[in-house]
Amino acid sequence: MTNMRSLVLLVTIMLLSACATNVLRTGQPGIILSPASLGETISVQQRILLEQGEHMDTIDIVLEVDSKHLEMIGLVIGKRVLSLHYDGNKLTSWRHFLLPDKVQAEDVLENLQLALWPSDVIKKALPPDWEIKEDNNLRALYLGDEKIIEIIYNVHPRWVGTIKFTNSRYNYMLNIQSTLIE
């Protein structure tokens, strides 16, 4: 019975994540940055809370980035639901068989990069209609005159502490709590 309950919860989370990912694909600039362009080597554990309307879901992420590669593993209820490897040229991913096709590794990677990578690196990669502005602990991405994404950091470096990632166009928020892995 416990396994069935866990499976039902896992499927529910994945379906809600699919809705959010579909939203992200249409409301993001569509960039993928090389691991080297982060300019740092990091190894972090993240707990990501997704809030969209009345729905809230949580996924745990382990993220490692160095100059040659990016590795990410996503866990829900202690079960691996996503893994991703990116070397700057080739992105390979694995998804749990219950994870809908709409959930793409590129979307997950883009969100993390928009939050963690330096703004000057993001600026160079943005399509012409997009703009990034940053001031202290606030980063915003605009499509034309419309602010689409707002990212608020509570500490620096960005991959430690809490990040609040809000997409006002589609009314969802990611609360990302990160801890360094020693």
N, C-alpha and C. Protein backbone atom coordinates (compact mmCIF):
# COMPACT_ATOMS: atom_id res chain seq x y z
N MET A 1 0.82 -1.19 0.00
CA MET A 1 0.00 0.00 0.00
C MET A 1 0.86 1.26 0.00
N THR A 2 1.96 1.23 0.77
CA THR A 2 2.85 2.39 0.82
C THR A 2 3.48 2.65 -0.54
N ASN A 3 3.88 1.58 -1.24
CA ASN A 3 4.46 1.75 -2.57
C ASN A 3 3.45 2.36 -3.53
N MET A 4 2.19 1.94 -3.45
CA MET A 4 1.15 2.48 -4.32
C MET A 4 0.93 3.96 -4.02
N ARG A 5 0.90 4.33 -2.74
CA ARG A 5 0.73 5.73 -2.36
C ARG A 5 1.89 6.56 -2.88
N SER A 6 3.10 6.05 -2.73
CA SER A 6 4.28 6.75 -3.23
C SER A 6 4.22 6.92 -4.74
N LEU A 7 3.78 5.88 -5.43
CA LEU A 7 3.69 5.94 -6.88
C LEU A 7 2.65 6.97 -7.31
N VAL A 8 1.49 7.00 -6.63
CA VAL A 8 0.45 7.98 -6.95
C VAL A 8 0.98 9.40 -6.72
N LEU A 9 1.67 9.62 -5.60
CA LEU A 9 2.25 10.93 -5.31
C LEU A 9 3.29 11.30 -6.36
N LEU A 10 4.12 10.36 -6.74
CA LEU A 10 5.15 10.60 -7.75
C LEU A 10 4.52 10.99 -9.08
N VAL A 11 3.50 10.28 -9.50
CA VAL A 11 2.82 10.61 -10.77
C VAL A 11 2.18 11.99 -10.69
N THR A 12 1.55 12.32 -9.57
CA THR A 12 0.93 13.64 -9.39
C THR A 12 1.97 14.74 -9.52
N ILE A 13 3.09 14.57 -8.85
CA ILE A 13 4.16 15.58 -8.91
C ILE A 13 4.67 15.72 -10.34
N MET A 14 4.84 14.61 -11.02
CA MET A 14 5.35 14.66 -12.38
C MET A 14 4.37 15.36 -13.32
N LEU A 15 3.09 15.10 -13.14
CA LEU A 15 2.10 15.76 -14.00
C LEU A 15 2.07 17.25 -13.75
N LEU A 16 2.14 17.66 -12.49
CA LEU A 16 2.18 19.09 -12.20
C LEU A 16 3.46 19.70 -12.73
N SER A 17 4.56 18.98 -12.63
CA SER A 17 5.82 19.47 -13.19
C SER A 17 5.72 19.60 -14.69
N ALA A 18 5.01 18.70 -15.34
CA ALA A 18 4.84 18.79 -16.80
C ALA A 18 4.11 20.06 -17.16
N CYS A 19 3.08 20.42 -16.40
CA CYS A 19 2.36 21.67 -16.67
C CYS A 19 3.30 22.85 -16.53
N ALA A 20 4.10 22.86 -15.46
CA ALA A 20 5.01 23.96 -15.25
C ALA A 20 6.07 24.01 -16.33
N THR A 21 6.58 22.86 -16.73
CA THR A 21 7.62 22.84 -17.75
C THR A 21 7.08 23.33 -19.07
N ASN A 22 5.86 22.96 -19.43
CA ASN A 22 5.27 23.44 -20.66
C ASN A 22 5.15 24.96 -20.63
N VAL A 23 4.80 25.52 -19.48
CA VAL A 23 4.74 26.96 -19.32
C VAL A 23 6.13 27.55 -19.50
N LEU A 24 7.13 26.93 -18.88
CA LEU A 24 8.48 27.46 -18.96
C LEU A 24 8.98 27.50 -20.39
N ARG A 25 8.68 26.48 -21.17
CA ARG A 25 9.17 26.43 -22.54
C ARG A 25 8.67 27.62 -23.35
N THR A 26 7.44 28.08 -23.12
CA THR A 26 6.90 29.19 -23.89
C THR A 26 7.22 30.54 -23.27
N GLY A 27 7.70 30.57 -22.04
CA GLY A 27 7.97 31.83 -21.36
C GLY A 27 9.42 32.04 -20.99
N GLN A 28 10.33 31.35 -21.64
CA GLN A 28 11.75 31.46 -21.36
C GLN A 28 12.47 31.85 -22.65
N PRO A 29 13.68 32.39 -22.52
CA PRO A 29 14.41 32.80 -23.73
C PRO A 29 14.97 31.65 -24.56
N GLY A 30 15.06 30.44 -24.01
CA GLY A 30 15.52 29.30 -24.79
C GLY A 30 17.03 29.25 -24.97
N ILE A 31 17.79 29.42 -23.89
CA ILE A 31 19.25 29.39 -23.99
C ILE A 31 19.80 28.20 -23.20
N ILE A 32 20.96 27.72 -23.63
CA ILE A 32 21.72 26.73 -22.88
C ILE A 32 23.17 27.21 -22.89
N LEU A 33 23.73 27.37 -21.70
CA LEU A 33 25.09 27.91 -21.54
C LEU A 33 26.05 26.79 -21.17
N SER A 34 27.30 26.92 -21.59
CA SER A 34 28.29 25.89 -21.30
C SER A 34 28.58 25.83 -19.80
N PRO A 35 28.94 24.66 -19.28
CA PRO A 35 29.33 24.57 -17.87
C PRO A 35 30.50 25.51 -17.55
N ALA A 36 31.45 25.63 -18.46
CA ALA A 36 32.61 26.48 -18.23
C ALA A 36 32.23 27.94 -18.04
N SER A 37 31.14 28.39 -18.67
CA SER A 37 30.76 29.80 -18.58
C SER A 37 30.26 30.19 -17.18
N LEU A 38 30.01 29.23 -16.30
CA LEU A 38 29.69 29.57 -14.91
C LEU A 38 30.91 30.23 -14.25
N GLY A 39 32.11 29.79 -14.64
CA GLY A 39 33.33 30.37 -14.08
C GLY A 39 33.67 29.87 -12.69
N GLU A 40 33.00 28.83 -12.24
CA GLU A 40 33.20 28.27 -10.90
C GLU A 40 33.04 26.76 -10.97
N THR A 41 33.55 26.10 -9.93
CA THR A 41 33.27 24.68 -9.72
C THR A 41 32.38 24.62 -8.50
N ILE A 42 31.20 24.02 -8.67
CA ILE A 42 30.26 23.93 -7.54
C ILE A 42 29.69 22.53 -7.43
N SER A 43 29.32 22.19 -6.22
CA SER A 43 28.64 20.94 -5.92
C SER A 43 27.61 21.28 -4.84
N VAL A 44 26.32 21.24 -5.21
CA VAL A 44 25.27 21.67 -4.28
C VAL A 44 24.11 20.68 -4.24
N GLN A 45 23.44 20.67 -3.09
CA GLN A 45 22.17 20.00 -2.94
C GLN A 45 21.12 21.08 -2.94
N GLN A 46 20.01 20.85 -3.66
CA GLN A 46 18.96 21.85 -3.74
C GLN A 46 17.60 21.21 -3.45
N ARG A 47 16.79 21.93 -2.73
CA ARG A 47 15.40 21.55 -2.56
C ARG A 47 14.61 22.64 -3.28
N ILE A 48 13.85 22.22 -4.30
CA ILE A 48 13.09 23.17 -5.11
C ILE A 48 11.60 22.96 -4.83
N LEU A 49 10.98 24.04 -4.37
CA LEU A 49 9.54 24.05 -4.15
C LEU A 49 8.92 24.79 -5.32
N LEU A 50 8.04 24.13 -6.04
CA LEU A 50 7.31 24.72 -7.16
C LEU A 50 5.93 25.08 -6.67
N GLU A 51 5.56 26.36 -6.83
CA GLU A 51 4.21 26.82 -6.51
C GLU A 51 3.59 27.35 -7.79
N GLN A 52 2.45 26.78 -8.14
CA GLN A 52 1.72 27.23 -9.32
C GLN A 52 0.24 27.14 -8.99
N GLY A 53 -0.38 28.33 -8.84
CA GLY A 53 -1.76 28.36 -8.40
C GLY A 53 -1.88 27.74 -7.02
N GLU A 54 -2.77 26.79 -6.88
CA GLU A 54 -2.99 26.11 -5.60
C GLU A 54 -2.02 24.94 -5.39
N HIS A 55 -1.26 24.58 -6.40
CA HIS A 55 -0.40 23.39 -6.33
C HIS A 55 1.00 23.74 -5.84
N MET A 56 1.52 22.87 -4.97
CA MET A 56 2.90 22.98 -4.50
C MET A 56 3.52 21.59 -4.59
N ASP A 57 4.72 21.53 -5.16
CA ASP A 57 5.45 20.28 -5.28
C ASP A 57 6.91 20.52 -4.95
N THR A 58 7.60 19.47 -4.53
CA THR A 58 9.01 19.58 -4.15
C THR A 58 9.82 18.53 -4.89
N ILE A 59 11.00 18.95 -5.33
CA ILE A 59 11.97 18.01 -5.91
C ILE A 59 13.33 18.33 -5.30
N ASP A 60 14.10 17.29 -5.03
CA ASP A 60 15.46 17.45 -4.54
C ASP A 60 16.41 17.27 -5.71
N ILE A 61 17.40 18.15 -5.80
CA ILE A 61 18.36 18.14 -6.90
C ILE A 61 19.77 18.08 -6.33
N VAL A 62 20.62 17.30 -6.95
CA VAL A 62 22.06 17.35 -6.70
C VAL A 62 22.67 17.88 -7.99
N LEU A 63 23.43 18.97 -7.89
CA LEU A 63 24.00 19.64 -9.05
C LEU A 63 25.50 19.79 -8.87
N GLU A 64 26.24 19.32 -9.87
CA GLU A 64 27.70 19.48 -9.89
C GLU A 64 28.09 20.12 -11.21
N VAL A 65 28.89 21.18 -11.13
CA VAL A 65 29.35 21.89 -12.32
C VAL A 65 30.83 22.16 -12.17
N ASP A 66 31.58 21.86 -13.23
CA ASP A 66 32.97 22.31 -13.33
C ASP A 66 33.19 22.81 -14.75
N SER A 67 34.40 23.10 -15.12
CA SER A 67 34.65 23.70 -16.43
C SER A 67 34.36 22.76 -17.59
N LYS A 68 34.25 21.46 -17.33
CA LYS A 68 34.06 20.49 -18.42
C LYS A 68 32.69 19.83 -18.47
N HIS A 69 31.95 19.87 -17.38
CA HIS A 69 30.66 19.19 -17.40
C HIS A 69 29.71 19.71 -16.33
N LEU A 70 28.45 19.35 -16.52
CA LEU A 70 27.39 19.62 -15.55
C LEU A 70 26.66 18.30 -15.35
N GLU A 71 26.47 17.91 -14.10
CA GLU A 71 25.72 16.71 -13.75
C GLU A 71 24.58 17.11 -12.83
N MET A 72 23.40 16.58 -13.09
CA MET A 72 22.26 16.88 -12.24
C MET A 72 21.43 15.61 -12.06
N ILE A 73 21.00 15.39 -10.82
CA ILE A 73 20.11 14.27 -10.51
C ILE A 73 18.92 14.85 -9.75
N GLY A 74 17.70 14.49 -10.17
CA GLY A 74 16.48 14.93 -9.50
C GLY A 74 15.82 13.77 -8.79
N LEU A 75 15.41 14.00 -7.55
CA LEU A 75 14.78 12.97 -6.73
C LEU A 75 13.43 13.45 -6.22
N VAL A 76 12.45 12.57 -6.24
CA VAL A 76 11.14 12.81 -5.63
C VAL A 76 10.86 11.63 -4.72
N ILE A 77 10.59 11.91 -3.47
CA ILE A 77 10.35 10.87 -2.46
C ILE A 77 11.51 9.87 -2.44
N GLY A 78 12.72 10.37 -2.61
CA GLY A 78 13.91 9.53 -2.59
C GLY A 78 14.13 8.69 -3.83
N LYS A 79 13.28 8.83 -4.83
CA LYS A 79 13.43 8.07 -6.08
C LYS A 79 13.94 8.99 -7.18
N ARG A 80 14.90 8.49 -7.95
CA ARG A 80 15.44 9.27 -9.06
C ARG A 80 14.39 9.37 -10.16
N VAL A 81 14.10 10.62 -10.57
CA VAL A 81 13.12 10.86 -11.63
C VAL A 81 13.75 11.55 -12.84
N LEU A 82 14.97 12.06 -12.66
CA LEU A 82 15.62 12.79 -13.74
C LEU A 82 17.12 12.79 -13.51
N SER A 83 17.88 12.59 -14.56
CA SER A 83 19.32 12.83 -14.50
C SER A 83 19.73 13.47 -15.81
N LEU A 84 20.80 14.27 -15.71
CA LEU A 84 21.21 15.06 -16.86
C LEU A 84 22.73 15.20 -16.85
N HIS A 85 23.33 15.09 -18.01
CA HIS A 85 24.77 15.34 -18.18
C HIS A 85 24.92 16.29 -19.35
N TYR A 86 25.72 17.33 -19.16
CA TYR A 86 25.95 18.30 -20.22
C TYR A 86 27.42 18.68 -20.21
N ASP A 87 28.10 18.50 -21.34
CA ASP A 87 29.53 18.81 -21.44
C ASP A 87 29.80 20.11 -22.20
N GLY A 88 28.78 20.87 -22.49
CA GLY A 88 28.92 22.10 -23.25
C GLY A 88 28.61 21.91 -24.72
N ASN A 89 28.61 20.67 -25.17
CA ASN A 89 28.27 20.33 -26.56
C ASN A 89 27.08 19.39 -26.64
N LYS A 90 27.12 18.35 -25.84
CA LYS A 90 26.09 17.33 -25.91
C LYS A 90 25.37 17.22 -24.57
N LEU A 91 24.05 17.26 -24.63
CA LEU A 91 23.24 17.09 -23.44
C LEU A 91 22.58 15.72 -23.52
N THR A 92 22.78 14.91 -22.49
CA THR A 92 22.11 13.63 -22.41
C THR A 92 21.30 13.60 -21.12
N SER A 93 20.14 13.00 -21.17
CA SER A 93 19.30 12.96 -19.99
C SER A 93 18.56 11.64 -19.90
N TRP A 94 18.10 11.35 -18.70
CA TRP A 94 17.26 10.20 -18.42
C TRP A 94 16.08 10.71 -17.61
N ARG A 95 14.90 10.21 -17.93
CA ARG A 95 13.69 10.55 -17.18
C ARG A 95 12.99 9.28 -16.76
N HIS A 96 12.38 9.32 -15.60
CA HIS A 96 11.57 8.19 -15.14
C HIS A 96 10.49 7.91 -16.19
N PHE A 97 10.16 6.66 -16.40
CA PHE A 97 9.21 6.31 -17.46
C PHE A 97 7.83 6.94 -17.24
N LEU A 98 7.48 7.32 -16.02
CA LEU A 98 6.20 7.97 -15.77
C LEU A 98 6.24 9.48 -16.01
N LEU A 99 7.43 10.01 -16.18
CA LEU A 99 7.57 11.45 -16.40
C LEU A 99 7.08 11.78 -17.81
N PRO A 100 6.14 12.71 -17.94
CA PRO A 100 5.59 13.04 -19.26
C PRO A 100 6.65 13.57 -20.23
N ASP A 101 6.43 13.35 -21.51
CA ASP A 101 7.36 13.81 -22.55
C ASP A 101 7.56 15.32 -22.53
N LYS A 102 6.57 16.06 -22.02
CA LYS A 102 6.68 17.52 -21.97
C LYS A 102 7.78 17.99 -21.03
N VAL A 103 8.19 17.15 -20.08
CA VAL A 103 9.25 17.51 -19.15
C VAL A 103 10.59 17.27 -19.84
N GLN A 104 11.27 18.35 -20.17
CA GLN A 104 12.53 18.26 -20.91
C GLN A 104 13.70 18.73 -20.05
N ALA A 105 14.81 18.02 -20.15
CA ALA A 105 16.01 18.37 -19.40
C ALA A 105 16.49 19.77 -19.72
N GLU A 106 16.31 20.20 -20.96
CA GLU A 106 16.75 21.53 -21.37
C GLU A 106 16.03 22.62 -20.58
N ASP A 107 14.76 22.41 -20.25
CA ASP A 107 14.00 23.39 -19.47
C ASP A 107 14.54 23.50 -18.05
N VAL A 108 14.82 22.35 -17.45
CA VAL A 108 15.37 22.33 -16.10
C VAL A 108 16.72 23.03 -16.09
N LEU A 109 17.57 22.67 -17.04
CA LEU A 109 18.90 23.27 -17.14
C LEU A 109 18.81 24.79 -17.34
N GLU A 110 17.91 25.24 -18.22
CA GLU A 110 17.80 26.68 -18.47
C GLU A 110 17.41 27.44 -17.21
N ASN A 111 16.46 26.93 -16.45
CA ASN A 111 16.07 27.61 -15.21
C ASN A 111 17.24 27.75 -14.25
N LEU A 112 17.98 26.67 -14.08
CA LEU A 112 19.14 26.73 -13.18
C LEU A 112 20.17 27.72 -13.69
N GLN A 113 20.40 27.73 -14.99
CA GLN A 113 21.40 28.64 -15.53
C GLN A 113 20.94 30.10 -15.44
N LEU A 114 19.67 30.38 -15.67
CA LEU A 114 19.18 31.75 -15.53
C LEU A 114 19.34 32.24 -14.10
N ALA A 115 19.25 31.35 -13.13
CA ALA A 115 19.38 31.74 -11.72
C ALA A 115 20.84 31.79 -11.26
N LEU A 116 21.69 30.91 -11.76
CA LEU A 116 23.04 30.77 -11.19
C LEU A 116 24.17 31.38 -12.01
N TRP A 117 24.05 31.41 -13.32
CA TRP A 117 25.16 31.86 -14.17
C TRP A 117 25.29 33.39 -14.10
N PRO A 118 26.48 33.91 -14.36
CA PRO A 118 26.69 35.37 -14.34
C PRO A 118 25.80 36.08 -15.37
N SER A 119 25.30 37.25 -14.99
CA SER A 119 24.37 37.98 -15.87
C SER A 119 25.02 38.38 -17.19
N ASP A 120 26.33 38.69 -17.19
CA ASP A 120 26.97 39.07 -18.46
C ASP A 120 27.03 37.90 -19.44
N VAL A 121 27.16 36.68 -18.92
CA VAL A 121 27.16 35.48 -19.77
C VAL A 121 25.76 35.26 -20.34
N ILE A 122 24.75 35.42 -19.50
CA ILE A 122 23.36 35.27 -19.95
C ILE A 122 23.03 36.33 -21.00
N LYS A 123 23.44 37.56 -20.73
CA LYS A 123 23.14 38.68 -21.64
C LYS A 123 23.65 38.39 -23.05
N LYS A 124 24.84 37.86 -23.17
CA LYS A 124 25.43 37.55 -24.49
C LYS A 124 24.65 36.47 -25.23
N ALA A 125 23.98 35.59 -24.50
CA ALA A 125 23.28 34.46 -25.12
C ALA A 125 21.80 34.73 -25.39
N LEU A 126 21.27 35.82 -24.84
CA LEU A 126 19.84 36.09 -24.99
C LEU A 126 19.46 36.42 -26.43
N PRO A 127 18.27 35.98 -26.86
CA PRO A 127 17.74 36.41 -28.16
C PRO A 127 17.53 37.93 -28.16
N PRO A 128 17.45 38.54 -29.34
CA PRO A 128 17.38 40.01 -29.44
C PRO A 128 16.25 40.68 -28.64
N ASP A 129 15.10 40.05 -28.50
CA ASP A 129 13.98 40.69 -27.81
C ASP A 129 14.08 40.61 -26.28
N TRP A 130 15.04 39.84 -25.78
CA TRP A 130 15.18 39.65 -24.34
C TRP A 130 16.25 40.57 -23.77
N GLU A 131 16.07 40.96 -22.49
CA GLU A 131 17.03 41.81 -21.80
C GLU A 131 17.14 41.34 -20.35
N ILE A 132 18.33 41.43 -19.78
CA ILE A 132 18.54 41.08 -18.38
C ILE A 132 19.01 42.33 -17.64
N LYS A 133 18.46 42.53 -16.45
CA LYS A 133 18.88 43.62 -15.58
C LYS A 133 19.18 43.03 -14.22
N GLU A 134 20.24 43.54 -13.59
CA GLU A 134 20.62 43.02 -12.29
C GLU A 134 21.08 44.15 -11.39
N ASP A 135 20.63 44.10 -10.13
CA ASP A 135 21.02 45.09 -9.14
C ASP A 135 21.10 44.40 -7.79
N ASN A 136 22.30 44.26 -7.26
CA ASN A 136 22.52 43.60 -5.98
C ASN A 136 21.91 42.20 -5.94
N ASN A 137 20.85 42.02 -5.16
CA ASN A 137 20.25 40.70 -4.98
C ASN A 137 19.02 40.47 -5.85
N LEU A 138 18.86 41.25 -6.90
CA LEU A 138 17.69 41.13 -7.76
C LEU A 138 18.13 41.02 -9.22
N ARG A 139 17.59 40.03 -9.91
CA ARG A 139 17.83 39.85 -11.34
C ARG A 139 16.46 39.76 -12.01
N ALA A 140 16.31 40.43 -13.16
CA ALA A 140 15.04 40.38 -13.89
C ALA A 140 15.32 40.18 -15.37
N LEU A 141 14.46 39.39 -16.00
CA LEU A 141 14.54 39.18 -17.44
C LEU A 141 13.27 39.74 -18.07
N TYR A 142 13.47 40.52 -19.13
CA TYR A 142 12.37 41.19 -19.81
C TYR A 142 12.27 40.68 -21.24
N LEU A 143 11.07 40.53 -21.70
CA LEU A 143 10.78 40.29 -23.11
C LEU A 143 10.11 41.56 -23.59
N GLY A 144 10.85 42.36 -24.35
CA GLY A 144 10.37 43.70 -24.70
C GLY A 144 10.28 44.51 -23.42
N ASP A 145 9.12 45.10 -23.17
CA ASP A 145 8.91 45.90 -21.95
C ASP A 145 8.32 45.10 -20.80
N GLU A 146 7.99 43.84 -21.04
CA GLU A 146 7.34 43.02 -20.02
C GLU A 146 8.35 42.24 -19.20
N LYS A 147 8.30 42.43 -17.86
CA LYS A 147 9.16 41.64 -16.98
C LYS A 147 8.56 40.25 -16.87
N ILE A 148 9.29 39.26 -17.36
CA ILE A 148 8.81 37.88 -17.35
C ILE A 148 9.30 37.14 -16.11
N ILE A 149 10.57 37.31 -15.78
CA ILE A 149 11.18 36.55 -14.69
C ILE A 149 11.84 37.51 -13.71
N GLU A 150 11.60 37.24 -12.42
CA GLU A 150 12.29 37.97 -11.36
C GLU A 150 12.96 36.95 -10.47
N ILE A 151 14.22 37.17 -10.18
CA ILE A 151 14.99 36.25 -9.34
C ILE A 151 15.57 37.06 -8.18
N ILE A 152 15.27 36.63 -6.97
CA ILE A 152 15.75 37.32 -5.77
C ILE A 152 16.66 36.36 -5.01
N TYR A 153 17.85 36.86 -4.64
CA TYR A 153 18.85 36.06 -3.92
C TYR A 153 18.93 36.58 -2.49
N ASN A 154 19.13 35.67 -1.53
CA ASN A 154 19.29 36.14 -0.16
C ASN A 154 20.75 36.24 0.25
N VAL A 155 21.65 35.57 -0.49
CA VAL A 155 23.09 35.66 -0.19
C VAL A 155 23.89 35.48 -1.47
N HIS A 156 25.18 35.78 -1.37
CA HIS A 156 26.11 35.48 -2.47
C HIS A 156 27.20 34.60 -1.91
N PRO A 157 27.72 33.63 -2.61
CA PRO A 157 27.41 33.30 -3.99
C PRO A 157 25.98 32.76 -4.13
N ARG A 158 25.47 32.83 -5.32
CA ARG A 158 24.06 32.51 -5.60
C ARG A 158 23.71 31.06 -5.31
N TRP A 159 24.66 30.17 -5.37
CA TRP A 159 24.36 28.74 -5.20
C TRP A 159 24.39 28.32 -3.74
N VAL A 160 24.36 29.28 -2.82
CA VAL A 160 24.23 29.01 -1.39
C VAL A 160 23.03 29.81 -0.90
N GLY A 161 22.23 29.23 -0.04
CA GLY A 161 21.09 29.98 0.49
C GLY A 161 19.83 29.77 -0.34
N THR A 162 19.00 30.80 -0.37
CA THR A 162 17.69 30.69 -1.00
C THR A 162 17.56 31.61 -2.20
N ILE A 163 16.96 31.08 -3.26
CA ILE A 163 16.66 31.85 -4.47
C ILE A 163 15.15 31.78 -4.67
N LYS A 164 14.54 32.92 -4.92
CA LYS A 164 13.12 32.97 -5.26
C LYS A 164 13.04 33.34 -6.74
N PHE A 165 12.53 32.43 -7.56
CA PHE A 165 12.46 32.55 -9.02
C PHE A 165 10.98 32.66 -9.38
N THR A 166 10.55 33.82 -9.86
CA THR A 166 9.13 34.06 -10.14
C THR A 166 8.93 34.38 -11.61
N ASN A 167 7.96 33.71 -12.23
CA ASN A 167 7.54 34.04 -13.58
C ASN A 167 6.16 34.68 -13.46
N SER A 168 6.13 36.01 -13.60
CA SER A 168 4.87 36.74 -13.40
C SER A 168 3.91 36.57 -14.57
N ARG A 169 4.40 36.27 -15.74
CA ARG A 169 3.52 36.07 -16.90
C ARG A 169 2.63 34.86 -16.70
N TYR A 170 3.19 33.81 -16.13
CA TYR A 170 2.45 32.56 -15.97
C TYR A 170 2.16 32.20 -14.52
N ASN A 171 2.47 33.13 -13.60
CA ASN A 171 2.10 32.98 -12.20
C ASN A 171 2.60 31.68 -11.57
N TYR A 172 3.91 31.46 -11.61
CA TYR A 172 4.50 30.36 -10.87
C TYR A 172 5.76 30.84 -10.18
N MET A 173 6.14 30.13 -9.12
CA MET A 173 7.34 30.48 -8.37
C MET A 173 8.12 29.22 -8.02
N LEU A 174 9.43 29.34 -8.12
CA LEU A 174 10.33 28.30 -7.64
C LEU A 174 11.08 28.87 -6.44
N ASN A 175 11.05 28.18 -5.33
CA ASN A 175 11.83 28.54 -4.16
C ASN A 175 12.95 27.51 -4.09
N ILE A 176 14.18 27.94 -4.34
CA ILE A 176 15.32 27.04 -4.45
C ILE A 176 16.21 27.23 -3.24
N GLN A 177 16.33 26.22 -2.40
CA GLN A 177 17.20 26.27 -1.24
C GLN A 177 18.42 25.40 -1.52
N SER A 178 19.59 26.03 -1.49
CA SER A 178 20.83 25.34 -1.88
C SER A 178 21.81 25.26 -0.70
N THR A 179 22.50 24.13 -0.63
CA THR A 179 23.54 23.89 0.35
C THR A 179 24.75 23.31 -0.36
N LEU A 180 25.93 23.82 -0.05
CA LEU A 180 27.16 23.28 -0.65
C LEU A 180 27.40 21.86 -0.16
N ILE A 181 27.88 21.01 -1.04
CA ILE A 181 28.31 19.67 -0.69
C ILE A 181 29.82 19.75 -0.50
N GLU A 182 30.27 19.38 0.65
CA GLU A 182 31.71 19.46 0.95
C GLU A 182 32.42 18.23 0.46
